[in-house]
């Protein structure tokens, strides 16, 4: 389909067990179906850990895309940053970690694009940035949510340690080009 050719990896997220593939227009194929979990947080677990960060701007766009391409936190394209805001940590001018917001639906905002350069993992950067973004979401009275690959137990446990709970099992249906 034109959509899948223009945006490789484009797809639909649906509750597990629904049959979105059965109602796609003729000629739109399915490349893959990836199991996800949707997690929500209405409160953060306590933590005294924080990190100095900055709001990322248009000037950071190439570095954001490069970091996401390297670490593969999930779908992230050159214009994803526009759905933000995104925040990040830089070291010697290099973006080494980031987190932001993407989807918004009534009462919910998605935590997205959380990634840390492999050379800087294990320092608590992803947790601190995630906490900062989620705190801002919760301060607006909304619930934070995210999607994680269902087979990434460590990722699910990480978000659980921040206060997220699995809300539903989902499927990411990737459209074929």
N, C-alpha and C. Protein backbone atom coordinates (compact mmCIF):
# COMPACT_ATOMS: atom_id res chain seq x y z
N UNK A 1 0.84 -1.18 0.00
CA UNK A 1 0.00 0.00 0.00
C UNK A 1 0.88 1.24 0.00
N UNK A 2 0.32 2.35 -0.43
CA UNK A 2 1.07 3.61 -0.47
C UNK A 2 1.55 4.02 0.92
N UNK A 3 0.70 3.85 1.92
CA UNK A 3 1.05 4.22 3.29
C UNK A 3 2.27 3.46 3.76
N UNK A 4 2.29 2.16 3.56
CA UNK A 4 3.41 1.32 4.01
C UNK A 4 4.68 1.64 3.23
N UNK A 5 4.57 1.97 1.93
CA UNK A 5 5.75 2.34 1.15
C UNK A 5 6.31 3.68 1.61
N UNK A 6 5.42 4.63 1.90
CA UNK A 6 5.86 5.96 2.34
C UNK A 6 6.41 5.94 3.75
N UNK A 7 5.86 5.05 4.60
CA UNK A 7 6.26 4.99 6.01
C UNK A 7 6.53 3.53 6.40
N UNK A 8 7.72 3.03 6.07
CA UNK A 8 8.02 1.62 6.42
C UNK A 8 7.78 1.37 7.90
N UNK A 9 7.11 0.26 8.19
CA UNK A 9 6.79 -0.06 9.58
C UNK A 9 5.46 0.49 10.03
N UNK A 10 4.77 1.23 9.15
CA UNK A 10 3.46 1.78 9.52
C UNK A 10 2.51 0.64 9.85
N UNK A 11 1.67 0.88 10.82
CA UNK A 11 0.76 -0.17 11.21
C UNK A 11 -0.32 0.31 12.14
N UNK A 12 -1.01 -0.62 12.72
CA UNK A 12 -2.13 -0.36 13.60
C UNK A 12 -1.93 -1.11 14.90
N UNK A 13 -2.31 -0.47 16.00
CA UNK A 13 -2.26 -1.14 17.29
C UNK A 13 -3.68 -1.46 17.69
N UNK A 14 -3.91 -2.71 18.04
CA UNK A 14 -5.25 -3.17 18.38
C UNK A 14 -5.20 -4.06 19.61
N UNK A 15 -6.32 -4.18 20.28
CA UNK A 15 -6.41 -5.10 21.41
C UNK A 15 -6.22 -6.52 20.87
N UNK A 16 -5.43 -7.31 21.59
CA UNK A 16 -5.17 -8.68 21.17
C UNK A 16 -6.48 -9.42 20.94
N UNK A 17 -6.52 -10.17 19.85
CA UNK A 17 -7.70 -10.97 19.56
C UNK A 17 -8.70 -10.30 18.65
N UNK A 18 -8.52 -9.00 18.37
CA UNK A 18 -9.40 -8.36 17.39
C UNK A 18 -8.85 -8.66 16.01
N UNK A 19 -9.65 -8.47 15.01
CA UNK A 19 -9.25 -8.90 13.66
C UNK A 19 -9.16 -7.73 12.70
N UNK A 20 -8.33 -6.74 13.01
CA UNK A 20 -8.20 -5.58 12.14
C UNK A 20 -7.76 -5.99 10.74
N UNK A 21 -6.92 -7.02 10.65
CA UNK A 21 -6.46 -7.47 9.34
C UNK A 21 -7.62 -7.91 8.46
N UNK A 22 -8.70 -8.36 9.08
CA UNK A 22 -9.87 -8.82 8.31
C UNK A 22 -10.67 -7.67 7.72
N UNK A 23 -10.46 -6.46 8.19
CA UNK A 23 -11.25 -5.34 7.68
C UNK A 23 -10.40 -4.30 6.95
N UNK A 24 -9.14 -4.63 6.67
CA UNK A 24 -8.30 -3.71 5.91
C UNK A 24 -8.81 -3.63 4.47
N UNK A 25 -8.63 -2.49 3.82
CA UNK A 25 -9.06 -2.37 2.42
C UNK A 25 -8.35 -3.40 1.53
N UNK A 26 -9.01 -3.79 0.44
CA UNK A 26 -8.44 -4.73 -0.51
C UNK A 26 -7.10 -4.18 -0.99
N UNK A 27 -6.11 -5.03 -1.05
CA UNK A 27 -4.79 -4.62 -1.52
C UNK A 27 -3.84 -4.20 -0.42
N UNK A 28 -4.34 -4.03 0.81
CA UNK A 28 -3.48 -3.69 1.94
C UNK A 28 -3.12 -4.99 2.65
N UNK A 29 -1.85 -5.33 2.58
CA UNK A 29 -1.40 -6.58 3.18
C UNK A 29 -0.82 -6.38 4.57
N UNK A 30 -0.58 -7.48 5.24
CA UNK A 30 -0.01 -7.47 6.58
C UNK A 30 1.39 -8.08 6.51
N UNK A 31 2.39 -7.30 6.92
CA UNK A 31 3.78 -7.79 6.93
C UNK A 31 4.05 -8.63 8.16
N UNK A 32 3.53 -8.19 9.32
CA UNK A 32 3.74 -8.95 10.55
C UNK A 32 2.75 -8.49 11.61
N UNK A 33 2.63 -9.32 12.63
CA UNK A 33 1.79 -9.01 13.78
C UNK A 33 2.67 -9.22 15.02
N UNK A 34 2.89 -8.15 15.78
CA UNK A 34 3.82 -8.18 16.89
C UNK A 34 3.06 -8.04 18.21
N UNK A 35 3.20 -9.00 19.12
CA UNK A 35 2.53 -8.91 20.42
C UNK A 35 3.14 -7.80 21.29
N UNK A 36 2.28 -6.99 21.88
CA UNK A 36 2.67 -5.91 22.77
C UNK A 36 1.89 -6.01 24.07
N UNK A 37 2.35 -5.25 25.06
CA UNK A 37 1.52 -4.97 26.22
C UNK A 37 1.35 -3.47 26.28
N UNK A 38 0.17 -3.05 26.69
CA UNK A 38 -0.07 -1.63 26.96
C UNK A 38 -0.02 -1.48 28.47
N UNK A 39 0.77 -0.53 28.93
CA UNK A 39 0.94 -0.31 30.36
C UNK A 39 0.50 1.12 30.69
N UNK A 40 -0.06 1.29 31.88
CA UNK A 40 -0.49 2.62 32.31
C UNK A 40 0.08 2.92 33.70
N UNK A 41 0.20 4.22 33.98
CA UNK A 41 0.65 4.66 35.30
C UNK A 41 -0.18 5.86 35.74
N UNK A 42 -0.75 5.75 36.92
CA UNK A 42 -1.50 6.87 37.50
C UNK A 42 -0.70 7.52 38.62
N UNK A 43 0.44 6.90 38.98
CA UNK A 43 1.35 7.43 40.00
C UNK A 43 2.71 6.81 39.77
N UNK A 44 3.74 7.54 40.16
CA UNK A 44 5.10 7.03 40.08
C UNK A 44 5.52 6.43 41.41
N UNK A 45 6.37 5.41 41.36
CA UNK A 45 6.96 4.90 42.59
C UNK A 45 7.96 5.94 43.09
N UNK A 46 8.19 5.99 44.39
CA UNK A 46 9.12 6.99 44.94
C UNK A 46 10.55 6.78 44.44
N UNK A 47 11.25 7.89 44.23
CA UNK A 47 12.66 7.85 43.86
C UNK A 47 13.29 9.20 44.13
N UNK A 48 14.51 9.20 44.58
CA UNK A 48 15.22 10.45 44.80
C UNK A 48 16.21 10.72 43.67
N UNK A 49 16.29 9.81 42.72
CA UNK A 49 17.23 9.93 41.59
C UNK A 49 16.69 10.89 40.55
N UNK A 50 17.52 11.83 40.13
CA UNK A 50 17.15 12.72 39.04
C UNK A 50 18.40 12.96 38.20
N UNK A 51 18.23 13.60 37.08
CA UNK A 51 19.34 13.86 36.17
C UNK A 51 19.10 15.21 35.51
N UNK A 52 20.17 15.91 35.22
CA UNK A 52 20.05 17.19 34.49
C UNK A 52 19.72 16.87 33.04
N UNK A 53 18.67 17.50 32.53
CA UNK A 53 18.25 17.26 31.15
C UNK A 53 17.84 18.58 30.53
N UNK A 54 17.62 18.55 29.22
CA UNK A 54 17.15 19.73 28.51
C UNK A 54 16.04 19.33 27.56
N UNK A 55 15.21 20.31 27.22
CA UNK A 55 14.17 20.08 26.23
C UNK A 55 14.84 20.06 24.86
N UNK A 56 14.56 19.03 24.09
CA UNK A 56 15.17 18.90 22.77
C UNK A 56 14.42 19.76 21.77
N UNK A 57 15.14 20.29 20.80
CA UNK A 57 14.58 21.21 19.82
C UNK A 57 14.78 20.68 18.40
N UNK A 58 14.33 21.43 17.45
CA UNK A 58 14.49 21.08 16.03
C UNK A 58 15.97 20.84 15.71
N UNK A 59 16.85 21.59 16.33
CA UNK A 59 18.29 21.42 16.08
C UNK A 59 18.78 20.04 16.51
N UNK A 60 18.06 19.40 17.43
CA UNK A 60 18.44 18.07 17.92
C UNK A 60 17.87 16.94 17.07
N UNK A 61 17.05 17.27 16.08
CA UNK A 61 16.35 16.25 15.29
C UNK A 61 17.28 15.18 14.72
N UNK A 62 18.39 15.53 14.08
CA UNK A 62 19.25 14.46 13.54
C UNK A 62 19.81 13.56 14.64
N UNK A 63 20.19 14.13 15.78
CA UNK A 63 20.73 13.32 16.87
C UNK A 63 19.65 12.43 17.47
N UNK A 64 18.42 12.91 17.55
CA UNK A 64 17.32 12.11 18.08
C UNK A 64 17.06 10.91 17.18
N UNK A 65 17.00 11.15 15.87
CA UNK A 65 16.75 10.07 14.94
C UNK A 65 17.91 9.07 14.96
N UNK A 66 19.14 9.56 15.05
CA UNK A 66 20.30 8.67 15.10
C UNK A 66 20.27 7.80 16.35
N UNK A 67 19.94 8.39 17.51
CA UNK A 67 19.87 7.61 18.75
C UNK A 67 18.77 6.57 18.68
N UNK A 68 17.61 6.94 18.17
CA UNK A 68 16.50 6.00 18.05
C UNK A 68 16.81 4.90 17.04
N UNK A 69 17.49 5.24 15.96
CA UNK A 69 17.86 4.24 14.96
C UNK A 69 18.85 3.24 15.55
N UNK A 70 19.78 3.73 16.36
CA UNK A 70 20.77 2.86 17.01
C UNK A 70 20.13 1.94 18.05
N UNK A 71 19.22 2.46 18.85
CA UNK A 71 18.71 1.71 20.00
C UNK A 71 17.37 1.03 19.77
N UNK A 72 16.63 1.42 18.74
CA UNK A 72 15.36 0.79 18.36
C UNK A 72 14.34 0.70 19.50
N UNK A 73 13.92 1.87 20.05
CA UNK A 73 12.94 1.83 21.14
C UNK A 73 11.52 1.54 20.67
N UNK A 74 11.33 1.32 19.39
CA UNK A 74 10.01 1.16 18.79
C UNK A 74 9.91 2.15 17.66
N UNK A 75 8.75 2.25 17.03
CA UNK A 75 8.63 3.15 15.88
C UNK A 75 9.04 4.59 16.23
N UNK A 76 10.01 5.10 15.50
CA UNK A 76 10.47 6.47 15.68
C UNK A 76 10.95 6.95 14.33
N UNK A 77 10.29 7.99 13.83
CA UNK A 77 10.65 8.54 12.52
C UNK A 77 11.14 9.97 12.69
N UNK A 78 11.59 10.55 11.60
CA UNK A 78 12.16 11.90 11.67
C UNK A 78 11.18 12.93 12.21
N UNK A 79 9.89 12.73 12.01
CA UNK A 79 8.91 13.72 12.49
C UNK A 79 8.29 13.33 13.84
N UNK A 80 8.65 12.19 14.41
CA UNK A 80 8.09 11.78 15.70
C UNK A 80 8.33 12.84 16.76
N UNK A 81 9.46 13.50 16.70
CA UNK A 81 9.82 14.51 17.70
C UNK A 81 8.78 15.63 17.76
N UNK A 82 8.07 15.87 16.66
CA UNK A 82 7.07 16.95 16.61
C UNK A 82 5.85 16.63 17.47
N UNK A 83 5.69 15.37 17.84
CA UNK A 83 4.57 14.98 18.68
C UNK A 83 4.87 15.21 20.15
N UNK A 84 6.12 15.50 20.47
CA UNK A 84 6.68 15.66 21.81
C UNK A 84 5.90 16.58 22.72
N UNK A 85 6.57 17.21 23.66
CA UNK A 85 8.01 17.46 23.67
C UNK A 85 8.83 16.26 24.10
N UNK A 86 10.11 16.30 23.73
CA UNK A 86 11.09 15.31 24.14
C UNK A 86 12.15 16.00 24.97
N UNK A 87 12.70 15.26 25.92
CA UNK A 87 13.80 15.77 26.73
C UNK A 87 14.98 14.84 26.55
N UNK A 88 16.19 15.34 26.85
CA UNK A 88 17.35 14.51 26.66
C UNK A 88 18.51 14.91 27.54
N UNK A 89 19.46 14.00 27.61
CA UNK A 89 20.70 14.23 28.33
C UNK A 89 21.81 14.23 27.28
N UNK A 90 22.67 15.24 27.38
CA UNK A 90 23.82 15.32 26.47
C UNK A 90 25.10 15.24 27.28
N UNK A 91 26.09 14.66 26.65
CA UNK A 91 27.43 14.62 27.25
C UNK A 91 28.41 15.07 26.17
N UNK A 92 29.16 16.09 26.47
CA UNK A 92 30.10 16.67 25.50
C UNK A 92 29.41 16.98 24.18
N UNK A 93 28.18 17.49 24.28
CA UNK A 93 27.42 17.89 23.09
C UNK A 93 26.71 16.77 22.37
N UNK A 94 26.91 15.51 22.79
CA UNK A 94 26.29 14.36 22.14
C UNK A 94 25.05 13.93 22.92
N UNK A 95 23.93 13.71 22.20
CA UNK A 95 22.72 13.21 22.83
C UNK A 95 22.94 11.75 23.22
N UNK A 96 22.83 11.46 24.53
CA UNK A 96 23.10 10.09 24.99
C UNK A 96 21.86 9.39 25.54
N UNK A 97 20.79 10.15 25.80
CA UNK A 97 19.55 9.54 26.28
C UNK A 97 18.40 10.51 26.01
N UNK A 98 17.20 9.95 25.81
CA UNK A 98 16.03 10.80 25.59
C UNK A 98 14.76 10.07 25.97
N UNK A 99 13.70 10.85 26.14
CA UNK A 99 12.36 10.34 26.39
C UNK A 99 11.39 11.45 26.02
N UNK A 100 10.18 11.06 25.65
CA UNK A 100 9.20 12.08 25.29
C UNK A 100 7.79 11.56 25.27
N UNK A 101 6.96 12.32 24.61
CA UNK A 101 5.54 11.99 24.47
C UNK A 101 5.22 11.81 23.00
N UNK A 102 4.21 10.99 22.74
CA UNK A 102 3.81 10.78 21.35
C UNK A 102 2.30 10.85 21.24
N UNK A 103 1.62 9.74 21.39
CA UNK A 103 0.17 9.71 21.19
C UNK A 103 -0.57 10.36 22.36
N UNK A 104 -1.67 11.04 22.02
CA UNK A 104 -2.54 11.60 23.05
C UNK A 104 -3.98 11.27 22.68
N UNK A 105 -4.68 10.69 23.65
CA UNK A 105 -6.11 10.46 23.52
C UNK A 105 -6.74 10.96 24.81
N UNK A 106 -8.00 11.23 24.78
CA UNK A 106 -8.68 11.85 25.91
C UNK A 106 -8.30 11.20 27.24
N UNK A 107 -7.59 11.95 28.08
CA UNK A 107 -7.23 11.48 29.41
C UNK A 107 -5.93 10.70 29.49
N UNK A 108 -5.27 10.45 28.36
CA UNK A 108 -4.06 9.63 28.32
C UNK A 108 -3.01 10.27 27.43
N UNK A 109 -1.75 10.19 27.86
CA UNK A 109 -0.61 10.62 27.04
C UNK A 109 0.45 9.53 27.08
N UNK A 110 1.01 9.23 25.91
CA UNK A 110 1.97 8.13 25.78
C UNK A 110 3.40 8.58 26.06
N UNK A 111 4.08 7.85 26.92
CA UNK A 111 5.51 7.96 27.13
C UNK A 111 6.16 7.19 25.99
N UNK A 112 7.12 7.82 25.29
CA UNK A 112 7.63 7.21 24.07
C UNK A 112 9.08 7.60 23.81
N UNK A 113 9.72 6.82 22.97
CA UNK A 113 11.06 7.15 22.51
C UNK A 113 12.11 7.09 23.59
N UNK A 114 11.91 6.27 24.60
CA UNK A 114 12.86 6.18 25.69
C UNK A 114 14.05 5.36 25.22
N UNK A 115 15.22 5.98 25.20
CA UNK A 115 16.40 5.24 24.78
C UNK A 115 17.67 5.87 25.34
N UNK A 116 18.65 5.02 25.53
CA UNK A 116 19.96 5.43 26.03
C UNK A 116 21.02 4.81 25.14
N UNK A 117 22.00 5.60 24.77
CA UNK A 117 23.11 5.09 23.96
C UNK A 117 23.74 3.91 24.71
N UNK A 118 24.09 2.83 24.00
CA UNK A 118 24.65 1.64 24.67
C UNK A 118 25.86 1.94 25.55
N UNK A 119 26.66 2.93 25.21
CA UNK A 119 27.84 3.26 26.01
C UNK A 119 27.50 3.92 27.34
N UNK A 120 26.23 4.29 27.52
CA UNK A 120 25.83 5.04 28.72
C UNK A 120 24.71 4.35 29.51
N UNK A 121 24.46 3.08 29.21
CA UNK A 121 23.42 2.35 29.93
C UNK A 121 23.87 2.00 31.33
N UNK A 122 22.88 1.75 32.20
CA UNK A 122 23.18 1.34 33.56
C UNK A 122 23.42 2.51 34.51
N UNK A 123 23.19 3.72 34.05
CA UNK A 123 23.40 4.91 34.87
C UNK A 123 22.10 5.52 35.38
N UNK A 124 20.97 4.89 35.04
CA UNK A 124 19.68 5.41 35.49
C UNK A 124 19.11 6.53 34.64
N UNK A 125 19.69 6.76 33.47
CA UNK A 125 19.23 7.87 32.63
C UNK A 125 17.80 7.64 32.12
N UNK A 126 17.51 6.44 31.62
CA UNK A 126 16.17 6.16 31.09
C UNK A 126 15.12 6.29 32.19
N UNK A 127 15.43 5.79 33.37
CA UNK A 127 14.48 5.88 34.49
C UNK A 127 14.24 7.34 34.87
N UNK A 128 15.32 8.11 35.00
CA UNK A 128 15.17 9.51 35.40
C UNK A 128 14.39 10.31 34.36
N UNK A 129 14.70 10.11 33.09
CA UNK A 129 13.98 10.84 32.04
C UNK A 129 12.52 10.40 31.96
N UNK A 130 12.28 9.09 32.08
CA UNK A 130 10.90 8.59 32.06
C UNK A 130 10.11 9.18 33.22
N UNK A 131 10.71 9.21 34.40
CA UNK A 131 10.04 9.79 35.58
C UNK A 131 9.71 11.26 35.34
N UNK A 132 10.63 12.00 34.74
CA UNK A 132 10.38 13.43 34.50
C UNK A 132 9.21 13.62 33.55
N UNK A 133 9.17 12.84 32.47
CA UNK A 133 8.07 12.96 31.51
C UNK A 133 6.76 12.53 32.13
N UNK A 134 6.76 11.40 32.83
CA UNK A 134 5.53 10.90 33.45
C UNK A 134 5.03 11.87 34.52
N UNK A 135 5.91 12.46 35.30
CA UNK A 135 5.50 13.44 36.31
C UNK A 135 4.77 14.61 35.65
N UNK A 136 5.27 15.06 34.51
CA UNK A 136 4.60 16.15 33.79
C UNK A 136 3.23 15.71 33.28
N UNK A 137 3.13 14.49 32.78
CA UNK A 137 1.84 13.97 32.29
C UNK A 137 0.85 13.89 33.45
N UNK A 138 1.28 13.31 34.57
CA UNK A 138 0.39 13.15 35.72
C UNK A 138 -0.03 14.50 36.29
N UNK A 139 0.84 15.49 36.23
CA UNK A 139 0.52 16.83 36.75
C UNK A 139 -0.61 17.48 35.97
N UNK A 140 -0.85 17.04 34.74
CA UNK A 140 -1.96 17.59 33.95
C UNK A 140 -3.28 16.88 34.27
N UNK A 141 -3.21 15.84 35.13
CA UNK A 141 -4.40 15.07 35.46
C UNK A 141 -4.63 13.90 34.52
N UNK A 142 -3.72 13.67 33.59
CA UNK A 142 -3.85 12.55 32.66
C UNK A 142 -3.13 11.32 33.19
N UNK A 143 -3.40 10.19 32.58
CA UNK A 143 -2.73 8.94 32.87
C UNK A 143 -1.66 8.71 31.83
N UNK A 144 -0.48 8.29 32.25
CA UNK A 144 0.60 7.97 31.31
C UNK A 144 0.39 6.54 30.82
N UNK A 145 0.71 6.32 29.54
CA UNK A 145 0.67 4.96 29.02
C UNK A 145 1.84 4.74 28.08
N UNK A 146 2.12 3.48 27.78
CA UNK A 146 3.17 3.11 26.85
C UNK A 146 2.89 1.73 26.31
N UNK A 147 3.60 1.39 25.26
CA UNK A 147 3.53 0.05 24.70
C UNK A 147 4.92 -0.56 24.77
N UNK A 148 4.99 -1.83 25.12
CA UNK A 148 6.25 -2.57 25.18
C UNK A 148 6.06 -3.90 24.49
N UNK A 149 7.14 -4.42 23.90
CA UNK A 149 7.06 -5.72 23.27
C UNK A 149 6.75 -6.76 24.35
N UNK A 150 5.75 -7.60 24.11
CA UNK A 150 5.28 -8.55 25.11
C UNK A 150 6.33 -9.54 25.56
N UNK A 151 7.32 -9.83 24.69
CA UNK A 151 8.35 -10.79 25.07
C UNK A 151 9.58 -10.15 25.70
N UNK A 152 9.55 -8.85 25.94
CA UNK A 152 10.67 -8.16 26.58
C UNK A 152 10.40 -8.03 28.08
N UNK A 153 10.60 -9.13 28.78
CA UNK A 153 10.29 -9.17 30.22
C UNK A 153 11.06 -8.13 31.01
N UNK A 154 12.32 -7.89 30.66
CA UNK A 154 13.12 -6.91 31.40
C UNK A 154 12.56 -5.50 31.22
N UNK A 155 12.09 -5.20 30.01
CA UNK A 155 11.51 -3.88 29.75
C UNK A 155 10.23 -3.70 30.55
N UNK A 156 9.39 -4.71 30.57
CA UNK A 156 8.13 -4.66 31.31
C UNK A 156 8.42 -4.50 32.80
N UNK A 157 9.42 -5.22 33.31
CA UNK A 157 9.79 -5.11 34.72
C UNK A 157 10.34 -3.71 35.02
N UNK A 158 11.12 -3.15 34.10
CA UNK A 158 11.65 -1.80 34.28
C UNK A 158 10.52 -0.80 34.44
N UNK A 159 9.55 -0.83 33.54
CA UNK A 159 8.43 0.11 33.64
C UNK A 159 7.58 -0.17 34.87
N UNK A 160 7.47 -1.43 35.26
CA UNK A 160 6.77 -1.77 36.50
C UNK A 160 7.44 -1.12 37.70
N UNK A 161 8.77 -1.06 37.68
CA UNK A 161 9.49 -0.45 38.80
C UNK A 161 9.23 1.06 38.91
N UNK A 162 8.76 1.66 37.83
CA UNK A 162 8.44 3.09 37.83
C UNK A 162 7.00 3.36 38.27
N UNK A 163 6.17 2.31 38.27
CA UNK A 163 4.78 2.49 38.66
C UNK A 163 3.78 2.11 37.58
N UNK A 164 4.25 1.61 36.45
CA UNK A 164 3.35 1.18 35.37
C UNK A 164 2.84 -0.22 35.64
N UNK A 165 1.61 -0.47 35.21
CA UNK A 165 1.00 -1.80 35.30
C UNK A 165 0.46 -2.19 33.93
N UNK A 166 0.51 -3.48 33.62
CA UNK A 166 -0.04 -3.95 32.35
C UNK A 166 -1.55 -3.74 32.37
N UNK A 167 -2.03 -3.02 31.37
CA UNK A 167 -3.47 -2.75 31.22
C UNK A 167 -4.12 -3.75 30.27
N UNK A 168 -3.41 -4.05 29.16
CA UNK A 168 -3.99 -4.94 28.14
C UNK A 168 -2.89 -5.50 27.26
N UNK A 169 -3.19 -6.65 26.68
CA UNK A 169 -2.30 -7.21 25.65
C UNK A 169 -2.79 -6.66 24.32
N UNK A 170 -1.85 -6.26 23.49
CA UNK A 170 -2.17 -5.62 22.22
C UNK A 170 -1.42 -6.33 21.09
N UNK A 171 -1.77 -5.98 19.87
CA UNK A 171 -1.06 -6.48 18.69
C UNK A 171 -0.74 -5.29 17.80
N UNK A 172 0.50 -5.22 17.36
CA UNK A 172 0.93 -4.20 16.41
C UNK A 172 0.93 -4.87 15.04
N UNK A 173 -0.02 -4.51 14.19
CA UNK A 173 -0.15 -5.08 12.87
C UNK A 173 0.61 -4.16 11.91
N UNK A 174 1.72 -4.66 11.39
CA UNK A 174 2.56 -3.89 10.48
C UNK A 174 2.07 -4.11 9.06
N UNK A 175 1.79 -3.02 8.36
CA UNK A 175 1.28 -3.12 6.99
C UNK A 175 2.39 -3.46 6.00
N UNK A 176 2.05 -4.25 4.99
CA UNK A 176 3.01 -4.64 3.95
C UNK A 176 3.02 -3.57 2.85
N UNK A 177 4.21 -3.39 2.26
CA UNK A 177 4.27 -2.43 1.15
C UNK A 177 4.08 -3.10 -0.18
